[in-house]
Structure formats: C-alpha cells, structure tokens
PDB file of N, CA and C in Angstrom:
ATOM      1  N   MET A   1     -31.374  15.793   6.773  1.00  0.00           N
ATOM      2  CA  MET A   1     -30.646  15.718   5.507  1.00  0.00           C
ATOM      3  C   MET A   1     -29.706  14.512   5.572  1.00  0.00           C
ATOM      4  N   SER A   2     -29.709  13.690   4.532  1.00  0.00           N
ATOM      5  CA  SER A   2     -28.851  12.500   4.528  1.00  0.00           C
ATOM      6  C   SER A   2     -27.409  12.880   4.223  1.00  0.00           C
ATOM      7  N   ILE A   3     -26.513  11.961   4.538  1.00  0.00           N
ATOM      8  CA  ILE A   3     -25.073  12.168   4.268  1.00  0.00           C
ATOM      9  C   ILE A   3     -24.845  12.414   2.785  1.00  0.00           C
ATOM     10  N   ILE A   4     -25.546  11.700   1.935  1.00  0.00           N
ATOM     11  CA  ILE A   4     -25.362  11.854   0.488  1.00  0.00           C
ATOM     12  C   ILE A   4     -25.824  13.244   0.052  1.00  0.00           C
ATOM     13  N   GLN A   5     -26.949  13.713   0.561  1.00  0.00           N
ATOM     14  CA  GLN A   5     -27.435  15.043   0.192  1.00  0.00           C
ATOM     15  C   GLN A   5     -26.465  16.132   0.628  1.00  0.00           C
ATOM     16  N   GLN A   6     -25.791  15.933   1.761  1.00  0.00           N
ATOM     17  CA  GLN A   6     -24.828  16.920   2.251  1.00  0.00           C
ATOM     18  C   GLN A   6     -23.657  17.089   1.291  1.00  0.00           C
ATOM     19  N   HIS A   7     -23.325  16.046   0.557  1.00  0.00           N
ATOM     20  CA  HIS A   7     -22.113  16.044  -0.255  1.00  0.00           C
ATOM     21  C   HIS A   7     -22.365  16.058  -1.758  1.00  0.00           C
ATOM     22  N   VAL A   8     -23.600  16.288  -2.172  1.00  0.00           N
ATOM     23  CA  VAL A   8     -23.883  16.374  -3.598  1.00  0.00           C
ATOM     24  C   VAL A   8     -23.099  17.545  -4.174  1.00  0.00           C
ATOM     25  N   GLY A   9     -22.364  17.273  -5.252  1.00  0.00           N
ATOM     26  CA  GLY A   9     -21.571  18.316  -5.885  1.00  0.00           C
ATOM     27  C   GLY A   9     -20.146  18.399  -5.373  1.00  0.00           C
ATOM     28  N   SER A  10     -19.831  17.753  -4.247  1.00  0.00           N
ATOM     29  CA  SER A  10     -18.452  17.768  -3.759  1.00  0.00           C
ATOM     30  C   SER A  10     -17.735  16.525  -4.262  1.00  0.00           C
ATOM     31  N   ASP A  11     -16.422  16.543  -4.174  1.00  0.00           N
ATOM     32  CA  ASP A  11     -15.707  15.365  -4.633  1.00  0.00           C
ATOM     33  C   ASP A  11     -15.587  14.333  -3.515  1.00  0.00           C
ATOM     34  N   PHE A  12     -15.174  13.140  -3.887  1.00  0.00           N
ATOM     35  CA  PHE A  12     -15.131  12.029  -2.944  1.00  0.00           C
ATOM     36  C   PHE A  12     -14.113  12.275  -1.834  1.00  0.00           C
ATOM     37  N   ASP A  13     -12.961  12.876  -2.175  1.00  0.00           N
ATOM     38  CA  ASP A  13     -11.962  13.181  -1.152  1.00  0.00           C
ATOM     39  C   ASP A  13     -12.526  14.126  -0.095  1.00  0.00           C
ATOM     40  N   SER A  14     -13.312  15.094  -0.529  1.00  0.00           N
ATOM     41  CA  SER A  14     -13.938  16.022   0.422  1.00  0.00           C
ATOM     42  C   SER A  14     -14.883  15.278   1.353  1.00  0.00           C
ATOM     43  N   PHE A  15     -15.630  14.345   0.791  1.00  0.00           N
ATOM     44  CA  PHE A  15     -16.535  13.538   1.605  1.00  0.00           C
ATOM     45  C   PHE A  15     -15.755  12.737   2.633  1.00  0.00           C
ATOM     46  N   LEU A  16     -14.684  12.046   2.188  1.00  0.00           N
ATOM     47  CA  LEU A  16     -13.893  11.241   3.123  1.00  0.00           C
ATOM     48  C   LEU A  16     -13.256  12.123   4.190  1.00  0.00           C
ATOM     49  N   ASP A  17     -12.803  13.301   3.801  1.00  0.00           N
ATOM     50  CA  ASP A  17     -12.204  14.235   4.753  1.00  0.00           C
ATOM     51  C   ASP A  17     -13.225  14.682   5.788  1.00  0.00           C
ATOM     52  N   SER A  18     -14.418  14.980   5.344  1.00  0.00           N
ATOM     53  CA  SER A  18     -15.458  15.434   6.278  1.00  0.00           C
ATOM     54  C   SER A  18     -15.858  14.321   7.245  1.00  0.00           C
ATOM     55  N   GLU A  19     -15.682  13.088   6.819  1.00  0.00           N
ATOM     56  CA  GLU A  19     -15.972  11.938   7.681  1.00  0.00           C
ATOM     57  C   GLU A  19     -14.785  11.594   8.580  1.00  0.00           C
ATOM     58  N   GLY A  20     -13.656  12.275   8.350  1.00  0.00           N
ATOM     59  CA  GLY A  20     -12.462  12.048   9.166  1.00  0.00           C
ATOM     60  C   GLY A  20     -11.693  10.791   8.827  1.00  0.00           C
ATOM     61  N   ILE A  21     -11.872  10.283   7.598  1.00  0.00           N
ATOM     62  CA  ILE A  21     -11.224   9.020   7.237  1.00  0.00           C
ATOM     63  C   ILE A  21     -10.367   9.107   5.972  1.00  0.00           C
ATOM     64  N   LEU A  22     -10.136  10.308   5.474  1.00  0.00           N
ATOM     65  CA  LEU A  22      -9.385  10.454   4.227  1.00  0.00           C
ATOM     66  C   LEU A  22      -7.985   9.860   4.329  1.00  0.00           C
ATOM     67  N   ASP A  23      -7.251  10.175   5.396  1.00  0.00           N
ATOM     68  CA  ASP A  23      -5.890   9.665   5.531  1.00  0.00           C
ATOM     69  C   ASP A  23      -5.860   8.141   5.612  1.00  0.00           C
ATOM     70  N   GLU A  24      -6.763   7.577   6.388  1.00  0.00           N
ATOM     71  CA  GLU A  24      -6.821   6.125   6.542  1.00  0.00           C
ATOM     72  C   GLU A  24      -7.167   5.439   5.222  1.00  0.00           C
ATOM     73  N   VAL A  25      -8.151   5.943   4.524  1.00  0.00           N
ATOM     74  CA  VAL A  25      -8.574   5.356   3.251  1.00  0.00           C
ATOM     75  C   VAL A  25      -7.457   5.484   2.215  1.00  0.00           C
ATOM     76  N   SER A  26      -6.782   6.616   2.212  1.00  0.00           N
ATOM     77  CA  SER A  26      -5.672   6.821   1.280  1.00  0.00           C
ATOM     78  C   SER A  26      -4.537   5.846   1.558  1.00  0.00           C
ATOM     79  N   ALA A  27      -4.218   5.650   2.836  1.00  0.00           N
ATOM     80  CA  ALA A  27      -3.142   4.722   3.209  1.00  0.00           C
ATOM     81  C   ALA A  27      -3.477   3.299   2.783  1.00  0.00           C
ATOM     82  N   VAL A  28      -4.711   2.881   2.989  1.00  0.00           N
ATOM     83  CA  VAL A  28      -5.117   1.528   2.589  1.00  0.00           C
ATOM     84  C   VAL A  28      -5.057   1.386   1.064  1.00  0.00           C
ATOM     85  N   ALA A  29      -5.459   2.418   0.349  1.00  0.00           N
ATOM     86  CA  ALA A  29      -5.418   2.363  -1.118  1.00  0.00           C
ATOM     87  C   ALA A  29      -3.981   2.216  -1.611  1.00  0.00           C
ATOM     88  N   VAL A  30      -3.067   2.986  -1.031  1.00  0.00           N
ATOM     89  CA  VAL A  30      -1.650   2.880  -1.418  1.00  0.00           C
ATOM     90  C   VAL A  30      -1.119   1.498  -1.083  1.00  0.00           C
ATOM     91  N   LYS A  31      -1.453   0.993   0.099  1.00  0.00           N
ATOM     92  CA  LYS A  31      -0.961  -0.321   0.515  1.00  0.00           C
ATOM     93  C   LYS A  31      -1.499  -1.416  -0.401  1.00  0.00           C
ATOM     94  N   ARG A  32      -2.743  -1.309  -0.825  1.00  0.00           N
ATOM     95  CA  ARG A  32      -3.303  -2.308  -1.739  1.00  0.00           C
ATOM     96  C   ARG A  32      -2.536  -2.338  -3.051  1.00  0.00           C
ATOM     97  N   VAL A  33      -2.183  -1.180  -3.558  1.00  0.00           N
ATOM     98  CA  VAL A  33      -1.415  -1.112  -4.803  1.00  0.00           C
ATOM     99  C   VAL A  33      -0.030  -1.725  -4.598  1.00  0.00           C
ATOM    100  N   LEU A  34       0.632  -1.360  -3.497  1.00  0.00           N
ATOM    101  CA  LEU A  34       1.963  -1.912  -3.224  1.00  0.00           C
ATOM    102  C   LEU A  34       1.924  -3.434  -3.063  1.00  0.00           C
ATOM    103  N   ALA A  35       0.952  -3.928  -2.308  1.00  0.00           N
ATOM    104  CA  ALA A  35       0.836  -5.376  -2.102  1.00  0.00           C
ATOM    105  C   ALA A  35       0.605  -6.085  -3.440  1.00  0.00           C
ATOM    106  N   TRP A  36      -0.256  -5.508  -4.278  1.00  0.00           N
ATOM    107  CA  TRP A  36      -0.527  -6.102  -5.588  1.00  0.00           C
ATOM    108  C   TRP A  36       0.736  -6.111  -6.442  1.00  0.00           C
ATOM    109  N   GLN A  37       1.472  -4.986  -6.454  1.00  0.00           N
ATOM    110  CA  GLN A  37       2.703  -4.913  -7.243  1.00  0.00           C
ATOM    111  C   GLN A  37       3.727  -5.935  -6.758  1.00  0.00           C
ATOM    112  N   LEU A  38       3.858  -6.079  -5.457  1.00  0.00           N
ATOM    113  CA  LEU A  38       4.805  -7.054  -4.919  1.00  0.00           C
ATOM    114  C   LEU A  38       4.396  -8.478  -5.305  1.00  0.00           C
ATOM    115  N   GLU A  39       3.122  -8.788  -5.168  1.00  0.00           N
ATOM    116  CA  GLU A  39       2.643 -10.124  -5.532  1.00  0.00           C
ATOM    117  C   GLU A  39       2.858 -10.407  -7.015  1.00  0.00           C
ATOM    118  N   GLN A  40       2.595  -9.425  -7.864  1.00  0.00           N
ATOM    119  CA  GLN A  40       2.806  -9.611  -9.306  1.00  0.00           C
ATOM    120  C   GLN A  40       4.276  -9.829  -9.625  1.00  0.00           C
ATOM    121  N   ALA A  41       5.156  -9.079  -8.979  1.00  0.00           N
ATOM    122  CA  ALA A  41       6.596  -9.246  -9.203  1.00  0.00           C
ATOM    123  C   ALA A  41       7.073 -10.605  -8.707  1.00  0.00           C
ATOM    124  N   MET A  42       6.532 -11.062  -7.583  1.00  0.00           N
ATOM    125  CA  MET A  42       6.883 -12.396  -7.075  1.00  0.00           C
ATOM    126  C   MET A  42       6.436 -13.470  -8.059  1.00  0.00           C
ATOM    127  N   LYS A  43       5.229 -13.333  -8.593  1.00  0.00           N
ATOM    128  CA  LYS A  43       4.733 -14.304  -9.574  1.00  0.00           C
ATOM    129  C   LYS A  43       5.601 -14.313 -10.824  1.00  0.00           C
ATOM    130  N   ALA A  44       5.980 -13.129 -11.289  1.00  0.00           N
ATOM    131  CA  ALA A  44       6.795 -13.027 -12.501  1.00  0.00           C
ATOM    132  C   ALA A  44       8.153 -13.704 -12.315  1.00  0.00           C
ATOM    133  N   LYS A  45       8.660 -13.676 -11.088  1.00  0.00           N
ATOM    134  CA  LYS A  45       9.958 -14.302 -10.794  1.00  0.00           C
ATOM    135  C   LYS A  45       9.800 -15.714 -10.230  1.00  0.00           C
ATOM    136  N   HIS A  46       8.557 -16.190 -10.190  1.00  0.00           N
ATOM    137  CA  HIS A  46       8.248 -17.535  -9.675  1.00  0.00           C
ATOM    138  C   HIS A  46       8.796 -17.732  -8.260  1.00  0.00           C
ATOM    139  N   LEU A  47       8.588 -16.714  -7.415  1.00  0.00           N
ATOM    140  CA  LEU A  47       9.057 -16.777  -6.029  1.00  0.00           C
ATOM    141  C   LEU A  47       7.921 -17.155  -5.093  1.00  0.00           C
ATOM    142  N   THR A  48       8.174 -18.122  -4.250  1.00  0.00           N
ATOM    143  CA  THR A  48       7.228 -18.451  -3.192  1.00  0.00           C
ATOM    144  C   THR A  48       7.415 -17.437  -2.060  1.00  0.00           C
ATOM    145  N   LYS A  49       6.462 -17.415  -1.158  1.00  0.00           N
ATOM    146  CA  LYS A  49       6.591 -16.526   0.002  1.00  0.00           C
ATOM    147  C   LYS A  49       7.807 -16.908   0.837  1.00  0.00           C
ATOM    148  N   THR A  50       8.064 -18.187   0.962  1.00  0.00           N
ATOM    149  CA  THR A  50       9.220 -18.640   1.738  1.00  0.00           C
ATOM    150  C   THR A  50      10.524 -18.150   1.117  1.00  0.00           C
ATOM    151  N   GLU A  51      10.650 -18.276  -0.203  1.00  0.00           N
ATOM    152  CA  GLU A  51      11.863 -17.820  -0.880  1.00  0.00           C
ATOM    153  C   GLU A  51      11.983 -16.299  -0.822  1.00  0.00           C
ATOM    154  N   MET A  52      10.884 -15.610  -0.982  1.00  0.00           N
ATOM    155  CA  MET A  52      10.904 -14.146  -0.904  1.00  0.00           C
ATOM    156  C   MET A  52      11.354 -13.702   0.487  1.00  0.00           C
ATOM    157  N   ALA A  53      10.819 -14.318   1.518  1.00  0.00           N
ATOM    158  CA  ALA A  53      11.215 -13.975   2.892  1.00  0.00           C
ATOM    159  C   ALA A  53      12.708 -14.222   3.100  1.00  0.00           C
ATOM    160  N   LYS A  54      13.228 -15.313   2.560  1.00  0.00           N
ATOM    161  CA  LYS A  54      14.669 -15.597   2.671  1.00  0.00           C
ATOM    162  C   LYS A  54      15.478 -14.504   1.987  1.00  0.00           C
ATOM    163  N   ARG A  55      15.056 -14.101   0.800  1.00  0.00           N
ATOM    164  CA  ARG A  55      15.766 -13.044   0.074  1.00  0.00           C
ATOM    165  C   ARG A  55      15.733 -11.718   0.826  1.00  0.00           C
ATOM    166  N   MET A  56      14.663 -11.496   1.556  1.00  0.00           N
ATOM    167  CA  MET A  56      14.525 -10.258   2.331  1.00  0.00           C
ATOM    168  C   MET A  56      15.211 -10.353   3.696  1.00  0.00           C
ATOM    169  N   HIS A  57      15.669 -11.544   4.056  1.00  0.00           N
ATOM    170  CA  HIS A  57      16.270 -11.784   5.378  1.00  0.00           C
ATOM    171  C   HIS A  57      15.276 -11.462   6.489  1.00  0.00           C
ATOM    172  N   THR A  58      14.070 -11.981   6.302  1.00  0.00           N
ATOM    173  CA  THR A  58      13.002 -11.756   7.277  1.00  0.00           C
ATOM    174  C   THR A  58      12.176 -13.027   7.422  1.00  0.00           C
ATOM    175  N   SER A  59      11.182 -12.979   8.261  1.00  0.00           N
ATOM    176  CA  SER A  59      10.311 -14.137   8.462  1.00  0.00           C
ATOM    177  C   SER A  59       9.170 -14.116   7.452  1.00  0.00           C
ATOM    178  N   ARG A  60       8.580 -15.272   7.281  1.00  0.00           N
ATOM    179  CA  ARG A  60       7.425 -15.352   6.388  1.00  0.00           C
ATOM    180  C   ARG A  60       6.250 -14.556   6.954  1.00  0.00           C
ATOM    181  N   SER A  61       6.104 -14.539   8.278  1.00  0.00           N
ATOM    182  CA  SER A  61       5.010 -13.763   8.872  1.00  0.00           C
ATOM    183  C   SER A  61       5.209 -12.263   8.626  1.00  0.00           C
ATOM    184  N   SER A  62       6.446 -11.804   8.633  1.00  0.00           N
ATOM    185  CA  SER A  62       6.715 -10.405   8.310  1.00  0.00           C
ATOM    186  C   SER A  62       6.349 -10.110   6.858  1.00  0.00           C
ATOM    187  N   LEU A  63       6.678 -11.036   5.956  1.00  0.00           N
ATOM    188  CA  LEU A  63       6.299 -10.877   4.552  1.00  0.00           C
ATOM    189  C   LEU A  63       4.784 -10.877   4.405  1.00  0.00           C
ATOM    190  N   ASN A  64       4.107 -11.742   5.136  1.00  0.00           N
ATOM    191  CA  ASN A  64       2.641 -11.769   5.076  1.00  0.00           C
ATOM    192  C   ASN A  64       2.042 -10.429   5.494  1.00  0.00           C
ATOM    193  N   ARG A  65       2.625  -9.789   6.506  1.00  0.00           N
ATOM    194  CA  ARG A  65       2.142  -8.465   6.907  1.00  0.00           C
ATOM    195  C   ARG A  65       2.376  -7.450   5.793  1.00  0.00           C
ATOM    196  N   LEU A  66       3.519  -7.554   5.127  1.00  0.00           N
ATOM    197  CA  LEU A  66       3.809  -6.655   4.009  1.00  0.00           C
ATOM    198  C   LEU A  66       2.800  -6.846   2.878  1.00  0.00           C
ATOM    199  N   LEU A  67       2.400  -8.067   2.639  1.00  0.00           N
ATOM    200  CA  LEU A  67       1.461  -8.365   1.556  1.00  0.00           C
ATOM    201  C   LEU A  67      -0.005  -8.201   1.965  1.00  0.00           C
ATOM    202  N   ASP A  68      -0.255  -7.960   3.247  1.00  0.00           N
ATOM    203  CA  ASP A  68      -1.617  -7.761   3.743  1.00  0.00           C
ATOM    204  C   ASP A  68      -2.102  -6.380   3.316  1.00  0.00           C
ATOM    205  N   GLU A  69      -3.112  -6.336   2.471  1.00  0.00           N
ATOM    206  CA  GLU A  69      -3.630  -5.075   1.916  1.00  0.00           C
ATOM    207  C   GLU A  69      -4.148  -4.111   2.980  1.00  0.00           C
ATOM    208  N   GLU A  70      -4.604  -4.637   4.089  1.00  0.00           N
ATOM    209  CA  GLU A  70      -5.211  -3.803   5.127  1.00  0.00           C
ATOM    210  C   GLU A  70      -4.200  -3.297   6.147  1.00  0.00           C
ATOM    211  N   ASP A  71      -3.046  -3.939   6.251  1.00  0.00           N
ATOM    212  CA  ASP A  71      -2.030  -3.569   7.244  1.00  0.00           C
ATOM    213  C   ASP A  71      -1.149  -2.465   6.673  1.00  0.00           C
ATOM    214  N   THR A  72      -1.367  -1.249   7.123  1.00  0.00           N
ATOM    215  CA  THR A  72      -0.629  -0.105   6.570  1.00  0.00           C
ATOM    216  C   THR A  72       0.627   0.236   7.369  1.00  0.00           C
ATOM    217  N   SER A  73       1.011  -0.627   8.284  1.00  0.00           N
ATOM    218  CA  SER A  73       2.136  -0.307   9.166  1.00  0.00           C
ATOM    219  C   SER A  73       3.474  -0.825   8.644  1.00  0.00           C
ATOM    220  N   LEU A  74       3.735  -0.662   7.378  1.00  0.00           N
ATOM    221  CA  LEU A  74       5.013  -1.102   6.851  1.00  0.00           C
ATOM    222  C   LEU A  74       6.065  -0.013   7.028  1.00  0.00           C
ATOM    223  N   THR A  75       7.326  -0.421   7.062  1.00  0.00           N
ATOM    224  CA  THR A  75       8.405   0.560   7.154  1.00  0.00           C
ATOM    225  C   THR A  75       9.070   0.701   5.789  1.00  0.00           C
ATOM    226  N   LEU A  76       9.742   1.806   5.596  1.00  0.00           N
ATOM    227  CA  LEU A  76      10.470   2.006   4.347  1.00  0.00           C
ATOM    228  C   LEU A  76      11.583   0.982   4.210  1.00  0.00           C
ATOM    229  N   THR A  77      12.173   0.577   5.328  1.00  0.00           N
ATOM    230  CA  THR A  77      13.227  -0.439   5.298  1.00  0.00           C
ATOM    231  C   THR A  77      12.680  -1.757   4.766  1.00  0.00           C
ATOM    232  N   THR A  78      11.516  -2.154   5.227  1.00  0.00           N
ATOM    233  CA  THR A  78      10.898  -3.396   4.756  1.00  0.00           C
ATOM    234  C   THR A  78      10.557  -3.305   3.278  1.00  0.00           C
ATOM    235  N   LEU A  79      10.001  -2.188   2.878  1.00  0.00           N
ATOM    236  CA  LEU A  79       9.651  -1.996   1.472  1.00  0.00           C
ATOM    237  C   LEU A  79      10.896  -2.015   0.592  1.00  0.00           C
ATOM    238  N   ALA A  80      11.952  -1.362   1.041  1.00  0.00           N
ATOM    239  CA  ALA A  80      13.210  -1.353   0.286  1.00  0.00           C
ATOM    240  C   ALA A  80      13.805  -2.745   0.201  1.00  0.00           C
ATOM    241  N   SER A  81      13.709  -3.502   1.269  1.00  0.00           N
ATOM    242  CA  SER A  81      14.208  -4.878   1.276  1.00  0.00           C
ATOM    243  C   SER A  81      13.445  -5.750   0.282  1.00  0.00           C
ATOM    244  N   ALA A  82      12.135  -5.583   0.241  1.00  0.00           N
ATOM    245  CA  ALA A  82      11.309  -6.337  -0.710  1.00  0.00           C
ATOM    246  C   ALA A  82      11.664  -5.955  -2.138  1.00  0.00           C
ATOM    247  N   ALA A  83      11.815  -4.660  -2.379  1.00  0.00           N
ATOM    248  CA  ALA A  83      12.166  -4.201  -3.725  1.00  0.00           C
ATOM    249  C   ALA A  83      13.505  -4.789  -4.154  1.00  0.00           C
ATOM    250  N   GLN A  84      14.479  -4.743  -3.272  1.00  0.00           N
ATOM    251  CA  GLN A  84      15.798  -5.279  -3.596  1.00  0.00           C
ATOM    252  C   GLN A  84      15.731  -6.782  -3.870  1.00  0.00           C
ATOM    253  N   ALA A  85      14.952  -7.491  -3.082  1.00  0.00           N
ATOM    254  CA  ALA A  85      14.802  -8.938  -3.274  1.00  0.00           C
ATOM    255  C   ALA A  85      14.203  -9.264  -4.639  1.00  0.00           C
ATOM    256  N   LEU A  86      13.464  -8.327  -5.198  1.00  0.00           N
ATOM    257  CA  LEU A  86      12.827  -8.516  -6.500  1.00  0.00           C
ATOM    258  C   LEU A  86      13.616  -7.861  -7.639  1.00  0.00           C
ATOM    259  N   GLY A  87      14.771  -7.276  -7.302  1.00  0.00           N
ATOM    260  CA  GLY A  87      15.560  -6.595  -8.324  1.00  0.00           C
ATOM    261  C   GLY A  87      14.933  -5.290  -8.761  1.00  0.00           C
ATOM    262  N   LYS A  88      14.229  -4.646  -7.847  1.00  0.00           N
ATOM    263  CA  LYS A  88      13.520  -3.407  -8.147  1.00  0.00           C
ATOM    264  C   LYS A  88      13.994  -2.299  -7.215  1.00  0.00           C
ATOM    265  N   HIS A  89      13.579  -1.074  -7.515  1.00  0.00           N
ATOM    266  CA  HIS A  89      13.811   0.087  -6.669  1.00  0.00           C
ATOM    267  C   HIS A  89      12.463   0.667  -6.292  1.00  0.00           C
ATOM    268  N   ILE A  90      12.447   1.403  -5.195  1.00  0.00           N
ATOM    269  CA  ILE A  90      11.217   2.114  -4.844  1.00  0.00           C
ATOM    270  C   ILE A  90      11.412   3.591  -5.153  1.00  0.00           C
ATOM    271  N   ARG A  91      10.310   4.245  -5.445  1.00  0.00           N
ATOM    272  CA  ARG A  91      10.310   5.692  -5.654  1.00  0.00           C
ATOM    273  C   ARG A  91       9.104   6.240  -4.911  1.00  0.00           C
ATOM    274  N   ILE A  92       9.380   7.152  -4.000  1.00  0.00           N
ATOM    275  CA  ILE A  92       8.326   7.791  -3.228  1.00  0.00           C
ATOM    276  C   ILE A  92       8.478   9.284  -3.425  1.00  0.00           C
ATOM    277  N   GLU A  93       7.387   9.961  -3.693  1.00  0.00           N
ATOM    278  CA  GLU A  93       7.470  11.395  -3.897  1.00  0.00           C
ATOM    279  C   GLU A  93       6.241  12.076  -3.316  1.00  0.00           C
ATOM    280  N   LEU A  94       6.428  13.309  -2.910  1.00  0.00           N
ATOM    281  CA  LEU A  94       5.315  14.142  -2.491  1.00  0.00           C
ATOM    282  C   LEU A  94       4.852  14.951  -3.688  1.00  0.00           C
ATOM    283  N   ILE A  95       3.561  14.982  -3.885  1.00  0.00           N
ATOM    284  CA  ILE A  95       3.005  15.770  -4.984  1.00  0.00           C
ATOM    285  C   ILE A  95       1.968  16.722  -4.431  1.00  0.00           C
ATOM    286  N   ASP A  96       1.756  17.818  -5.134  1.00  0.00           N
ATOM    287  CA  ASP A  96       0.749  18.790  -4.703  1.00  0.00           C
ATOM    288  C   ASP A  96      -0.643  18.198  -4.806  1.00  0.00           C
ATOM    289  N   GLN A  97      -1.486  18.577  -3.870  1.00  0.00           N
ATOM    290  CA  GLN A  97      -2.878  18.179  -3.934  1.00  0.00           C
ATOM    291  C   GLN A  97      -3.571  19.036  -4.987  1.00  0.00           C
ATOM    292  N   PRO A  98      -4.558  18.479  -5.646  1.00  0.00           N
ATOM    293  CA  PRO A  98      -5.312  19.285  -6.614  1.00  0.00           C
ATOM    294  C   PRO A  98      -5.967  20.468  -5.902  1.00  0.00           C
ATOM    295  N   ALA A  99      -6.017  21.570  -6.593  1.00  0.00           N
ATOM    296  CA  ALA A  99      -6.611  22.784  -5.999  1.00  0.00           C
ATOM    297  C   ALA A  99      -8.099  22.671  -5.892  1.00  0.00           C
TER     298      ALA A  99
END
C-alpha cells in the first residue's frame, strides 16, 4: 500500500504527524510568514539590511538568520528587537487545535 493510499480521507496535518514531521513543518511555515512580514515592513520603511541590523543593535549576519525562511532557531528577544526596530509589536498566542 502506498503512502498516499494510507492517508486517503485524512487531513494533511495527520499525514505530517504520522511521518513525524508535523512540528518541523509547522515551525518552518511560521518562520516563512515571519520572515516575509519582516521583509515587507523593511521595504515599506525603505530600510536596508545594514540599517535594520543597526536599529536592532545586532550584526547583519544575525539579521540574515532572522530573515532566513528555513532557520527556525530565532529567539523571542531577536523577534522583539526586530519588531521594535520597525515600530511594530509582536503578538504570540496559543490556540486550541481543531478537534
């Protein structure tokens, strides 16, 4: 039986969970959204990476890691620093999983 046949009728999250990659895939998806939002805010404010890093009081390589869609190892401190540099706030919340 193929992997696809095993999961016919189940949802995609169930498939990813059964493959043992749901948490990793979810983290990358969240990071991609955050990186995109940060890049869009930088563009709207006409900020270069160098200027953004200065505003965050960090290195450009640290900013590059923050903007790297695949690197999920960001800290809340770094995210808060980026938000502040852009005149924004962050909001993180836990929500119930669908039943």
